[in-house]
C-alpha cells in the first residue's frame, strides 16, 4: 500500500470515520474500567487511522511477519486508541477492547508485547526513537545480506520503522540521543510522527518545558521535517508518502493536534490527561462523539 499518492475522497472519509470510531471505543474502554487516558488517545486518532488502514505494510494474520513495517507507539499511556486500531484491523476481536485494564487482560494500561501487533512495551515514555534506531539499523543490516526471506543482497529494506511520539515525552533526553544517532547512521527507513497537542499531564507544554522552535530543533538534529494538521487525514497521508521518499536521513512529521479532540469540554484541558469521566461526562462526551461520527457517514 505504500508509496501511493492516490488518496481519493472516499478513502479520506473512511479514515476520518475510523478515527472517530477509535475515540468512541476509547471513551467506552476508559469509562468501563474507570481508568485510562482520554486526551492523548483522542489527539492521535487520525494518525493511527492513516497508518493502520492505509499506509503500513502489515498482516494481522502474521503479526511477526519479518518484512512488516514496525509501528512503535512511544506515547504508551494513550494505548487505548492503539488497541482500538489493532482490533478493527484484525489483530484481535473488537469485543476484547472492554477487557482494557482488567486483571489478566492482554490490554494493559500501557502496551505490552503479549498483545498481537504490539512491537515494544511502552510504560516509561521517551524510548521510541532510540528503540526505533536499533530496529531500523537491524533491518538495514539484515537486508544487506542474502536471505530467502527478505530482499536480495544490497536491496533497500522492504520494511520501515514508524514511531508515534507525544510532545510531553520529548522532554526526555533519550529522545534526542536517538535523534542524533538516527542522523549519524542516515536512517532513511525511520519515520517519527510527533503528536503535538501542546498539553501534557501537568499543563501546557509551553509552560512545563517549552519546545519551540520544534521544527528547527529536529532540522538541527539532521532530520527531514514536515509540519501538518494532525486531524486532517489527507495531510497525514500525504506527509507519510513524502517521508517514505526520504532515503538518506530520518524523517519526522510534526502533527499539530488537539488534546481531547472531539469533546468540547475536554479539548485543551490537561486535566483530561488521565482522568476517567463521571456518568454525566461520559454521556455528554458520547453524544458529541456520535455527532462527530455522523458527518463522515453520509
Protein backbone atom coordinates (compact mmCIF):
# COMPACT_ATOMS: atom_id res chain seq x y z
CA UNK A 1 0.00 0.00 0.00
CA UNK A 2 2.97 2.33 0.45
CA UNK A 3 4.26 4.92 -1.95
CA UNK A 4 0.89 5.72 -3.48
CA UNK A 5 -0.20 9.31 -3.82
CA UNK A 6 -3.75 8.42 -4.74
CA UNK A 7 -5.93 9.46 -1.83
CA UNK A 8 -9.50 9.55 -3.11
CA UNK A 9 -12.18 11.33 -1.16
CA UNK A 10 -13.81 8.04 -0.23
CA UNK A 11 -10.62 6.84 1.44
CA UNK A 12 -10.21 10.11 3.34
CA UNK A 13 -13.79 9.99 4.64
CA UNK A 14 -13.41 6.35 5.64
CA UNK A 15 -10.27 7.12 7.64
CA UNK A 16 -11.96 10.04 9.36
CA UNK A 17 -14.82 7.72 10.27
CA UNK A 18 -12.43 5.17 11.70
CA UNK A 19 -10.66 7.83 13.76
CA UNK A 20 -13.97 8.82 15.28
CA UNK A 21 -14.74 5.15 15.98
CA UNK A 22 -11.43 4.90 17.84
CA UNK A 23 -12.48 7.82 20.05
CA UNK A 24 -15.82 6.21 20.81
CA UNK A 25 -14.06 2.95 21.69
CA UNK A 26 -11.57 4.79 23.90
CA UNK A 27 -14.39 6.52 25.76
CA UNK A 28 -16.15 3.19 26.35
CA UNK A 29 -12.93 1.50 27.47
CA UNK A 30 -11.91 4.21 29.92
CA UNK A 31 -15.44 4.57 31.26
CA UNK A 32 -15.86 0.81 31.69
CA UNK A 33 -12.55 0.38 33.50
CA UNK A 34 -12.84 3.73 35.30
CA UNK A 35 -9.20 4.27 34.41
CA UNK A 36 -7.13 5.42 31.45
CA UNK A 37 -6.06 8.32 29.29
CA UNK A 38 -8.58 10.08 27.09
CA UNK A 39 -6.89 13.32 25.99
CA UNK A 40 -3.80 11.93 24.28
CA UNK A 41 -5.71 8.97 22.85
CA UNK A 42 -8.19 11.33 21.18
CA UNK A 43 -5.43 13.51 19.71
CA UNK A 44 -3.67 10.72 17.80
CA UNK A 45 -6.78 9.07 16.28
CA UNK A 46 -6.37 10.31 12.69
CA UNK A 47 -2.66 9.44 12.72
CA UNK A 48 -3.43 5.85 13.72
CA UNK A 49 -6.27 5.56 11.20
CA UNK A 50 -3.99 6.65 8.34
CA UNK A 51 -1.22 4.30 9.43
CA UNK A 52 -3.21 1.15 10.18
CA UNK A 53 -5.88 1.43 7.50
CA UNK A 54 -3.80 2.65 4.58
CA UNK A 55 -0.08 3.14 5.00
CA UNK A 56 1.54 0.34 6.96
CA UNK A 57 2.65 -2.94 5.35
CA UNK A 58 1.28 -5.33 7.95
CA UNK A 59 -0.59 -8.62 8.08
CA UNK A 60 -2.83 -9.22 11.12
CA UNK A 61 -2.69 -12.95 10.41
CA UNK A 62 1.11 -12.78 10.76
CA UNK A 63 1.92 -10.18 13.44
CA UNK A 64 5.61 -11.19 13.33
CA UNK A 65 5.94 -11.29 9.53
CA UNK A 66 9.65 -10.45 9.00
CA UNK A 67 9.04 -7.84 6.29
CA UNK A 68 6.30 -5.97 8.11
CA UNK A 69 6.59 -2.29 8.92
CA UNK A 70 7.20 -1.72 12.62
CA UNK A 71 4.96 0.74 14.49
CA UNK A 72 6.41 1.76 17.84
CA UNK A 73 3.81 3.51 19.98
CA UNK A 74 6.11 5.50 22.21
CA UNK A 75 3.36 7.53 23.93
CA UNK A 76 2.22 4.36 25.65
CA UNK A 77 -0.27 5.89 28.09
CA UNK A 78 -2.57 6.65 25.11
CA UNK A 79 -2.68 2.98 24.11
CA UNK A 80 -6.47 2.69 24.24
CA UNK A 81 -6.53 4.32 20.79
CA UNK A 82 -3.87 1.91 19.57
CA UNK A 83 -5.84 -1.08 20.87
CA UNK A 84 -8.93 0.13 19.02
CA UNK A 85 -6.93 0.44 15.79
CA UNK A 86 -5.42 -3.04 16.21
CA UNK A 87 -8.78 -4.61 17.00
CA UNK A 88 -10.55 -3.14 13.99
CA UNK A 89 -7.55 -4.01 11.78
CA UNK A 90 -7.99 -7.64 12.77
CA UNK A 91 -5.22 -8.34 15.29
CA UNK A 92 -7.76 -9.44 17.91
CA UNK A 93 -11.56 -9.35 18.26
CA UNK A 94 -13.07 -5.89 18.97
CA UNK A 95 -15.19 -7.19 21.91
CA UNK A 96 -11.89 -7.77 23.73
CA UNK A 97 -11.48 -3.99 24.00
CA UNK A 98 -13.71 -3.98 27.07
CA UNK A 99 -11.12 -6.06 28.92
CA UNK A 100 -8.96 -2.91 28.93
CA UNK A 101 -7.02 -2.54 32.17
CA UNK A 102 -8.69 -5.60 33.72
CA UNK A 103 -6.85 -8.33 35.62
CA UNK A 104 -5.29 -10.91 33.25
CA UNK A 105 -6.27 -8.87 30.18
CA UNK A 106 -3.90 -8.60 27.21
CA UNK A 107 -4.83 -4.93 27.03
CA UNK A 108 -2.99 -3.36 29.92
CA UNK A 109 -2.74 0.34 30.77
CA UNK A 110 0.49 0.59 28.81
CA UNK A 111 1.36 -1.55 25.75
CA UNK A 112 2.85 -4.98 26.31
CA UNK A 113 4.37 -7.47 23.86
CA UNK A 114 1.75 -10.09 24.73
CA UNK A 115 -0.80 -8.11 22.71
CA UNK A 116 -0.81 -9.06 19.00
CA UNK A 117 0.58 -6.19 16.92
CA UNK A 118 2.48 -4.52 19.76
CA UNK A 119 6.18 -4.19 18.92
CA UNK A 120 7.55 -2.78 22.18
CA UNK A 121 6.34 -2.22 25.74
CA UNK A 122 5.95 1.48 26.49
CA UNK A 123 5.49 2.00 30.19
CA UNK A 124 8.24 4.57 30.71
CA UNK A 125 7.93 7.16 27.97
CA UNK A 126 10.71 8.53 25.79
CA UNK A 127 12.25 5.37 24.37
CA UNK A 128 10.56 5.02 21.00
CA UNK A 129 13.12 6.85 18.87
CA UNK A 130 16.12 5.06 20.41
CA UNK A 131 14.48 1.65 20.04
CA UNK A 132 13.42 2.60 16.53
CA UNK A 133 17.05 3.35 15.69
CA UNK A 134 18.04 -0.16 16.71
CA UNK A 135 15.25 -1.72 14.66
CA UNK A 136 15.99 0.42 11.62
CA UNK A 137 19.69 -0.42 11.78
CA UNK A 138 18.93 -4.12 12.18
CA UNK A 139 16.58 -4.10 9.19
CA UNK A 140 19.16 -2.36 7.05
CA UNK A 141 21.87 -4.81 8.07
CA UNK A 142 19.58 -7.78 7.57
CA UNK A 143 18.59 -6.76 4.09
CA UNK A 144 22.16 -6.11 3.04
CA UNK A 145 22.75 -9.88 3.34
CA UNK A 146 21.39 -12.68 1.17
CA UNK A 147 18.27 -14.21 2.64
CA UNK A 148 15.49 -16.43 1.45
CA UNK A 149 13.00 -14.42 3.49
CA UNK A 150 13.96 -10.87 2.67
CA UNK A 151 15.10 -8.66 -0.14
CA UNK A 152 18.07 -9.65 -2.36
CA UNK A 153 21.55 -8.69 -1.26
CA UNK A 154 22.15 -4.98 -1.49
CA UNK A 155 18.50 -4.08 -1.94
CA UNK A 156 16.83 -1.48 0.21
CA UNK A 157 14.90 -2.86 3.16
CA UNK A 158 11.26 -3.54 2.33
CA UNK A 159 10.30 -2.55 5.84
CA UNK A 160 10.28 0.79 7.62
CA UNK A 161 10.04 1.75 11.29
CA UNK A 162 7.44 4.30 12.38
CA UNK A 163 7.47 5.87 15.85
CA UNK A 164 4.44 7.71 17.26
CA UNK A 165 5.60 10.23 19.87
CA UNK A 166 3.82 12.53 22.27
CA UNK A 167 5.04 16.08 22.74
CA UNK A 168 5.22 15.76 26.51
CA UNK A 169 7.54 12.78 26.25
CA UNK A 170 10.09 14.62 24.13
CA UNK A 171 11.13 16.33 27.35
CA UNK A 172 13.13 13.13 27.87
CA UNK A 173 16.77 13.48 26.86
CA UNK A 174 16.96 9.98 25.40
CA UNK A 175 14.68 11.14 22.59
CA UNK A 176 17.39 13.50 21.41
CA UNK A 177 20.14 10.92 21.85
CA UNK A 178 18.17 8.71 19.50
CA UNK A 179 17.62 11.62 17.12
CA UNK A 180 21.38 12.19 16.91
CA UNK A 181 22.09 8.52 16.32
CA UNK A 182 19.45 8.26 13.59
CA UNK A 183 21.06 11.16 11.74
CA UNK A 184 24.56 9.78 12.21
CA UNK A 185 23.59 6.48 10.58
CA UNK A 186 21.38 8.18 7.98
CA UNK A 187 18.39 6.00 8.82
CA UNK A 188 16.14 6.66 5.88
CA UNK A 189 13.88 3.80 6.97
CA UNK A 190 12.91 5.58 10.22
CA UNK A 191 9.90 7.93 10.40
CA UNK A 192 8.73 9.66 13.59
CA UNK A 193 5.26 11.16 13.86
CA UNK A 194 5.01 13.68 16.69
CA UNK A 195 1.51 14.06 18.10
CA UNK A 196 1.99 17.69 19.05
CA UNK A 197 -1.11 18.53 21.06
CA UNK A 198 0.55 21.19 23.19
CA UNK A 199 -0.67 19.78 26.51
CA UNK A 200 0.86 17.30 28.91
CA UNK A 201 -0.06 15.82 32.27
CA UNK A 202 0.50 18.92 34.40
CA UNK A 203 -0.20 21.73 31.97
CA UNK A 204 0.65 23.28 28.63
CA UNK A 205 3.93 22.03 27.19
CA UNK A 206 4.89 25.66 26.58
CA UNK A 207 4.83 26.15 30.36
CA UNK A 208 6.14 22.78 31.55
CA UNK A 209 9.03 22.52 29.06
CA UNK A 210 8.94 24.80 26.00
CA UNK A 211 9.85 23.02 22.76
CA UNK A 212 9.64 25.75 20.16
CA UNK A 213 11.00 26.20 17.61
CA UNK A 214 10.30 22.49 17.37
CA UNK A 215 10.80 22.14 13.60
CA UNK A 216 14.16 23.92 13.77
CA UNK A 217 15.26 21.57 16.58
CA UNK A 218 14.60 18.44 14.52
CA UNK A 219 16.22 20.03 11.48
CA UNK A 220 19.28 20.88 13.57
CA UNK A 221 19.49 17.21 14.54
CA UNK A 222 19.69 16.27 10.87
CA UNK A 223 16.12 15.10 10.21
CA UNK A 224 13.83 15.82 7.27
CA UNK A 225 10.92 17.77 8.79
CA UNK A 226 7.30 18.33 7.80
CA UNK A 227 4.59 20.17 9.74
CA UNK A 228 0.94 19.32 9.18
CA UNK A 229 -2.51 19.50 10.71
CA UNK A 230 -2.73 16.19 12.53
CA UNK A 231 -6.53 15.92 12.37
CA UNK A 232 -6.55 16.37 8.60
CA UNK A 233 -6.34 12.82 7.23
CA UNK A 234 -5.35 13.95 3.75
CA UNK A 235 -2.42 15.93 5.15
CA UNK A 236 -1.36 12.94 7.25
CA UNK A 237 -1.45 10.61 4.23
CA UNK A 238 0.50 13.00 2.03
CA UNK A 239 3.11 13.58 4.72
CA UNK A 240 3.62 9.83 5.17
CA UNK A 241 4.11 9.43 1.42
CA UNK A 242 6.66 12.24 1.34
CA UNK A 243 8.51 10.80 4.34
CA UNK A 244 8.87 7.48 2.52
CA UNK A 245 10.64 9.25 -0.30
CA UNK A 246 13.42 10.44 2.04
CA UNK A 247 16.14 7.81 1.82
CA UNK A 248 19.33 9.41 3.12
CA UNK A 249 18.19 10.57 6.56
CA UNK A 250 15.40 10.02 9.08
CA UNK A 251 12.12 11.91 8.74
CA UNK A 252 9.80 13.45 11.30
CA UNK A 253 6.22 14.61 10.81
CA UNK A 254 5.13 17.24 13.34
CA UNK A 255 1.37 16.78 13.52
CA UNK A 256 -0.38 19.71 15.20
CA UNK A 257 -3.29 18.23 17.14
CA UNK A 258 -5.69 18.99 19.98
CA UNK A 259 -5.67 17.08 23.24
CA UNK A 260 -9.17 15.76 23.94
CA UNK A 261 -10.16 16.27 20.29
CA UNK A 262 -13.87 15.74 19.62
CA UNK A 263 -15.31 16.54 23.06
CA UNK A 264 -15.74 20.26 23.70
CA UNK A 265 -15.22 20.19 27.45
CA UNK A 266 -12.09 18.03 27.19
CA UNK A 267 -10.21 19.90 24.46
CA UNK A 268 -7.04 21.75 25.53
CA UNK A 269 -7.59 20.73 29.19
CA UNK A 270 -4.65 18.92 30.76
CA UNK A 271 -6.93 17.59 33.49
CA UNK A 272 -8.19 15.07 30.91
CA UNK A 273 -4.73 13.58 30.52
CA UNK A 274 -5.56 10.60 32.74
CA UNK A 275 -8.97 11.17 34.30
CA UNK A 276 -11.96 8.87 33.69
CA UNK A 277 -15.32 10.57 33.09
CA UNK A 278 -18.22 10.64 35.51
CA UNK A 279 -21.52 9.17 34.31
CA UNK A 280 -22.74 12.61 33.28
CA UNK A 281 -19.50 13.44 31.50
CA UNK A 282 -19.48 10.05 29.77
CA UNK A 283 -22.99 10.58 28.44
CA UNK A 284 -22.23 14.10 27.23
CA UNK A 285 -18.97 13.03 25.58
CA UNK A 286 -20.66 10.12 23.81
CA UNK A 287 -23.30 12.44 22.37
CA UNK A 288 -20.63 14.75 20.96
CA UNK A 289 -18.52 11.93 19.52
CA UNK A 290 -21.51 10.25 17.89
CA UNK A 291 -22.49 13.57 16.36
CA UNK A 292 -18.94 13.89 15.06
CA UNK A 293 -19.15 10.42 13.58
CA UNK A 294 -22.32 11.36 11.73
CA UNK A 295 -20.58 13.82 9.43
CA UNK A 296 -18.44 11.01 7.99
CA UNK A 297 -21.24 8.51 7.39
CA UNK A 298 -23.01 10.27 4.53
